[in-house]
C-alpha atoms as a PDB file:
ATOM      1  CA  MET A   1     121.564 118.752 107.343  1.00  0.00           C
ATOM      2  CA  LEU A   2     118.716 119.909 104.827  1.00  0.00           C
ATOM      3  CA  ASN A   3     121.021 120.265 101.929  1.00  0.00           C
ATOM      4  CA  ALA A   4     121.913 116.661 102.229  1.00  0.00           C
ATOM      5  CA  LEU A   5     118.505 115.993 102.092  1.00  0.00           C
ATOM      6  CA  GLU A   6     117.781 117.744  99.170  1.00  0.00           C
ATOM      7  CA  VAL A   7     120.593 116.399  97.033  1.00  0.00           C
ATOM      8  CA  PHE A   8     119.551 112.340  98.133  1.00  0.00           C
ATOM      9  CA  THR A   9     115.666 113.080  97.766  1.00  0.00           C
ATOM     10  CA  THR A  10     116.749 114.541  94.067  1.00  0.00           C
ATOM     11  CA  VAL A  11     119.058 111.615  93.309  1.00  0.00           C
ATOM     12  CA  LEU A  12     116.688 109.427  94.660  1.00  0.00           C
ATOM     13  CA  VAL A  13     113.752 110.894  92.297  1.00  0.00           C
ATOM     14  CA  GLY A  14     115.991 111.108  89.508  1.00  0.00           C
ATOM     15  CA  VAL A  15     117.149 107.420  89.726  1.00  0.00           C
ATOM     16  CA  MET A  16     113.722 106.352  90.004  1.00  0.00           C
ATOM     17  CA  VAL A  17     112.920 108.429  86.751  1.00  0.00           C
ATOM     18  CA  GLY A  18     115.650 106.791  84.862  1.00  0.00           C
ATOM     19  CA  VAL A  19     114.328 103.482  85.772  1.00  0.00           C
ATOM     20  CA  GLU A  20     110.967 104.384  84.675  1.00  0.00           C
ATOM     21  CA  PHE A  21     111.777 106.099  81.696  1.00  0.00           C
ATOM     22  CA  SER A  22     113.856 102.782  80.850  1.00  0.00           C
ATOM     23  CA  VAL A  23     111.213 100.749  81.191  1.00  0.00           C
ATOM     24  CA  ALA A  24     109.079 102.629  78.957  1.00  0.00           C
ATOM     25  CA  PHE A  25     111.334 103.299  76.023  1.00  0.00           C
ATOM     26  CA  VAL A  26     113.879 100.598  76.231  1.00  0.00           C
ATOM     27  CA  ILE A  27     112.736  97.465  78.155  1.00  0.00           C
ATOM     28  CA  ASN A  28     109.007  96.908  76.889  1.00  0.00           C
ATOM     29  CA  PRO A  29     110.289  97.781  73.307  1.00  0.00           C
ATOM     30  CA  ILE A  30     113.019  95.121  73.753  1.00  0.00           C
ATOM     31  CA  LEU A  31     110.678  92.950  75.086  1.00  0.00           C
ATOM     32  CA  ASN A  32     107.550  93.505  72.604  1.00  0.00           C
ATOM     33  CA  ALA A  33     110.076  92.812  69.739  1.00  0.00           C
ATOM     34  CA  LEU A  34     110.992  89.360  71.063  1.00  0.00           C
ATOM     35  CA  PRO A  35     109.452  86.213  69.304  1.00  0.00           C
ATOM     36  CA  GLU A  36     106.539  84.215  70.629  1.00  0.00           C
ATOM     37  CA  ASP A  37     105.692  84.272  74.066  1.00  0.00           C
ATOM     38  CA  SER A  38     109.372  85.547  75.088  1.00  0.00           C
ATOM     39  CA  GLY A  39     108.174  89.074  75.187  1.00  0.00           C
ATOM     40  CA  GLN A  40     105.176  88.527  77.527  1.00  0.00           C
ATOM     41  CA  LEU A  41     107.064  86.244  79.823  1.00  0.00           C
ATOM     42  CA  GLY A  42     109.522  88.866  80.453  1.00  0.00           C
ATOM     43  CA  ARG A  43     106.779  91.477  81.249  1.00  0.00           C
ATOM     44  CA  ALA A  44     105.157  89.513  83.655  1.00  0.00           C
ATOM     45  CA  HIS A  45     108.544  88.512  85.488  1.00  0.00           C
ATOM     46  CA  GLY A  46     109.256  92.549  85.090  1.00  0.00           C
ATOM     47  CA  GLY A  47     106.161  93.033  86.658  1.00  0.00           C
ATOM     48  CA  ARG A  48     106.409  91.024  89.680  1.00  0.00           C
ATOM     49  CA  LEU A  49     110.446  92.339  90.115  1.00  0.00           C
ATOM     50  CA  LEU A  50     109.571  95.771  89.602  1.00  0.00           C
ATOM     51  CA  GLY A  51     106.102  95.695  91.249  1.00  0.00           C
ATOM     52  CA  ALA A  52     108.152  94.936  94.644  1.00  0.00           C
ATOM     53  CA  VAL A  53     110.134  97.386  94.360  1.00  0.00           C
ATOM     54  CA  MET A  54     108.555 100.642  93.226  1.00  0.00           C
ATOM     55  CA  PRO A  55     105.983 100.980  95.444  1.00  0.00           C
ATOM     56  CA  VAL A  56     108.565 101.617  98.382  1.00  0.00           C
ATOM     57  CA  TRP A  57     110.431 103.636  95.817  1.00  0.00           C
ATOM     58  CA  TYR A  58     107.508 105.774  95.077  1.00  0.00           C
ATOM     59  CA  ILE A  59     106.461 106.347  98.724  1.00  0.00           C
ATOM     60  CA  THR A  60     109.702 106.710  99.772  1.00  0.00           C
ATOM     61  CA  SER A  61     110.314 109.865  97.509  1.00  0.00           C
ATOM     62  CA  LEU A  62     106.988 111.009  97.981  1.00  0.00           C
ATOM     63  CA  VAL A  63     107.841 111.083 101.789  1.00  0.00           C
ATOM     64  CA  LEU A  64     111.402 112.667 101.254  1.00  0.00           C
ATOM     65  CA  VAL A  65     109.706 115.556  99.199  1.00  0.00           C
ATOM     66  CA  ALA A  66     107.371 116.284 101.960  1.00  0.00           C
ATOM     67  CA  VAL A  67     109.895 116.415 104.767  1.00  0.00           C
ATOM     68  CA  TRP A  68     112.072 118.487 102.193  1.00  0.00           C
ATOM     69  CA  ALA A  69     109.108 121.065 101.842  1.00  0.00           C
ATOM     70  CA  ILE A  70     108.303 121.175 105.400  1.00  0.00           C
ATOM     71  CA  ALA A  71     111.801 121.634 106.616  1.00  0.00           C
ATOM     72  CA  GLY A  72     112.821 124.161 103.897  1.00  0.00           C
ATOM     73  CA  TRP A  73     109.586 126.282 103.895  1.00  0.00           C
ATOM     74  CA  HIS A  74     111.219 129.046 104.834  1.00  0.00           C
ATOM     75  CA  ARG A  75     113.718 128.880 102.039  1.00  0.00           C
ATOM     76  CA  PRO A  76     113.587 129.940  98.292  1.00  0.00           C
ATOM     77  CA  GLY A  77     112.302 127.300  95.776  1.00  0.00           C
ATOM     78  CA  SER A  78     110.062 126.010  98.241  1.00  0.00           C
ATOM     79  CA  GLY A  79     107.095 126.092  96.182  1.00  0.00           C
ATOM     80  CA  LEU A  80     108.831 124.198  93.688  1.00  0.00           C
ATOM     81  CA  VAL A  81     109.172 121.467  95.964  1.00  0.00           C
ATOM     82  CA  VAL A  82     105.548 121.575  97.361  1.00  0.00           C
ATOM     83  CA  THR A  83     104.450 121.348  93.268  1.00  0.00           C
ATOM     84  CA  ALA A  84     107.194 118.397  93.004  1.00  0.00           C
ATOM     85  CA  GLY A  85     105.298 116.834  95.825  1.00  0.00           C
ATOM     86  CA  ALA A  86     102.051 116.987  94.301  1.00  0.00           C
ATOM     87  CA  LEU A  87     103.117 115.647  90.885  1.00  0.00           C
ATOM     88  CA  LEU A  88     104.790 112.786  93.183  1.00  0.00           C
ATOM     89  CA  THR A  89     101.083 112.344  94.849  1.00  0.00           C
ATOM     90  CA  VAL A  90      99.498 112.188  91.281  1.00  0.00           C
ATOM     91  CA  SER A  91     101.918 109.699  90.094  1.00  0.00           C
ATOM     92  CA  VAL A  92     101.347 107.186  93.146  1.00  0.00           C
ATOM     93  CA  VAL A  93      97.319 107.616  92.665  1.00  0.00           C
ATOM     94  CA  MET A  94      97.862 107.128  88.621  1.00  0.00           C
ATOM     95  CA  SER A  95      99.983 104.035  89.829  1.00  0.00           C
ATOM     96  CA  ILE A  96      97.050 102.550  92.423  1.00  0.00           C
ATOM     97  CA  LEU A  97      94.385 103.327  90.555  1.00  0.00           C
ATOM     98  CA  LEU A  98      95.415 102.552  86.979  1.00  0.00           C
ATOM     99  CA  LEU A  99      98.653 100.663  86.623  1.00  0.00           C
ATOM    100  CA  VAL A 100      98.583  98.407  89.494  1.00  0.00           C
ATOM    101  CA  PRO A 101      95.510  96.720  88.954  1.00  0.00           C
ATOM    102  CA  ILE A 102      96.833  95.768  85.200  1.00  0.00           C
ATOM    103  CA  ASN A 103     100.260  94.730  86.622  1.00  0.00           C
ATOM    104  CA  ASN A 104      98.847  92.505  89.664  1.00  0.00           C
ATOM    105  CA  ARG A 105      96.727  90.693  86.334  1.00  0.00           C
ATOM    106  CA  SER A 106      99.971  90.610  84.298  1.00  0.00           C
ATOM    107  CA  LYS A 107     102.497  89.480  86.509  1.00  0.00           C
ATOM    108  CA  THR A 108     100.773  85.985  86.692  1.00  0.00           C
ATOM    109  CA  TRP A 109     100.252  85.755  83.125  1.00  0.00           C
ATOM    110  CA  THR A 110     101.516  82.613  81.361  1.00  0.00           C
ATOM    111  CA  PRO A 111     101.238  81.841  77.594  1.00  0.00           C
ATOM    112  CA  GLU A 112      98.398  79.094  78.836  1.00  0.00           C
ATOM    113  CA  SER A 113      96.536  81.383  81.342  1.00  0.00           C
ATOM    114  CA  ARG A 114      96.514  84.996  79.941  1.00  0.00           C
ATOM    115  CA  PRO A 115      93.218  86.239  78.621  1.00  0.00           C
ATOM    116  CA  GLU A 116      92.566  87.113  75.023  1.00  0.00           C
ATOM    117  CA  ASP A 117      92.724  90.605  75.420  1.00  0.00           C
ATOM    118  CA  TRP A 118      96.305  90.477  76.986  1.00  0.00           C
ATOM    119  CA  LYS A 119      97.956  92.317  74.644  1.00  0.00           C
ATOM    120  CA  GLU A 120      95.263  95.430  74.672  1.00  0.00           C
ATOM    121  CA  GLN A 121      95.510  95.488  78.664  1.00  0.00           C
ATOM    122  CA  SER A 122      99.797  95.570  78.239  1.00  0.00           C
ATOM    123  CA  ASN A 123      99.228  98.458  75.778  1.00  0.00           C
ATOM    124  CA  ARG A 124      97.161 100.500  78.162  1.00  0.00           C
ATOM    125  CA  TRP A 125      99.507 100.226  80.753  1.00  0.00           C
ATOM    126  CA  ASP A 126     102.100 101.320  78.645  1.00  0.00           C
ATOM    127  CA  ARG A 127      99.802 104.375  77.684  1.00  0.00           C
ATOM    128  CA  PHE A 128      98.970 105.189  81.697  1.00  0.00           C
ATOM    129  CA  HIS A 129     102.872 104.730  82.379  1.00  0.00           C
ATOM    130  CA  TYR A 130     104.133 106.980  79.671  1.00  0.00           C
ATOM    131  CA  VAL A 131     101.999 109.413  81.430  1.00  0.00           C
ATOM    132  CA  ARG A 132     103.323 108.733  84.801  1.00  0.00           C
ATOM    133  CA  VAL A 133     106.796 108.819  83.609  1.00  0.00           C
ATOM    134  CA  ALA A 134     106.174 112.467  82.220  1.00  0.00           C
ATOM    135  CA  VAL A 135     104.571 113.478  85.625  1.00  0.00           C
ATOM    136  CA  ILE A 136     107.686 111.990  87.329  1.00  0.00           C
ATOM    137  CA  ILE A 137     110.006 113.985  84.673  1.00  0.00           C
ATOM    138  CA  ALA A 138     108.224 116.661  85.945  1.00  0.00           C
ATOM    139  CA  ALA A 139     108.210 116.661  89.374  1.00  0.00           C
ATOM    140  CA  PHE A 140     112.301 115.538  89.367  1.00  0.00           C
ATOM    141  CA  ALA A 141     112.920 118.763  86.730  1.00  0.00           C
ATOM    142  CA  LEU A 142     111.150 120.811  89.607  1.00  0.00           C
ATOM    143  CA  LEU A 143     113.280 119.500  92.612  1.00  0.00           C
ATOM    144  CA  ALA A 144     116.656 119.840  90.325  1.00  0.00           C
ATOM    145  CA  ALA A 145     115.537 123.807  90.005  1.00  0.00           C
ATOM    146  CA  ALA A 146     114.703 124.190  93.616  1.00  0.00           C
ATOM    147  CA  LEU A 147     118.471 123.263  94.301  1.00  0.00           C
ATOM    148  CA  THR A 148     119.627 126.232  92.731  1.00  0.00           C
END
């Protein structure tokens, strides 16, 4: 049963990493290259869609890692799992303090209602997101290593 939890948790975190990586390095660059207001409208829509899904995904991942760490405390690799959990905690705290406030504003923007500094706010979100992606990649790598 613990093996199934380990694999499921690793896959869940891995897919989350893939989604967040694609947002950072595929989706947002595509949206940024669109003409006129299309990119900003796309980012607002993405903020609404992923803003509803990702909090559940992050918290579920963190809870599963915590369960894995507790249930597998006696097994080799438990330190890696605990460290991965700490990194996922950092990513959740970063999200709540840095990324969610910007996302909550930007998901309501339209070309008529957006603030003058909307590009700067979007760029700030992107910079924080790059750091968060690096943190969750490290957590995923630790979970994968703990499986071996």
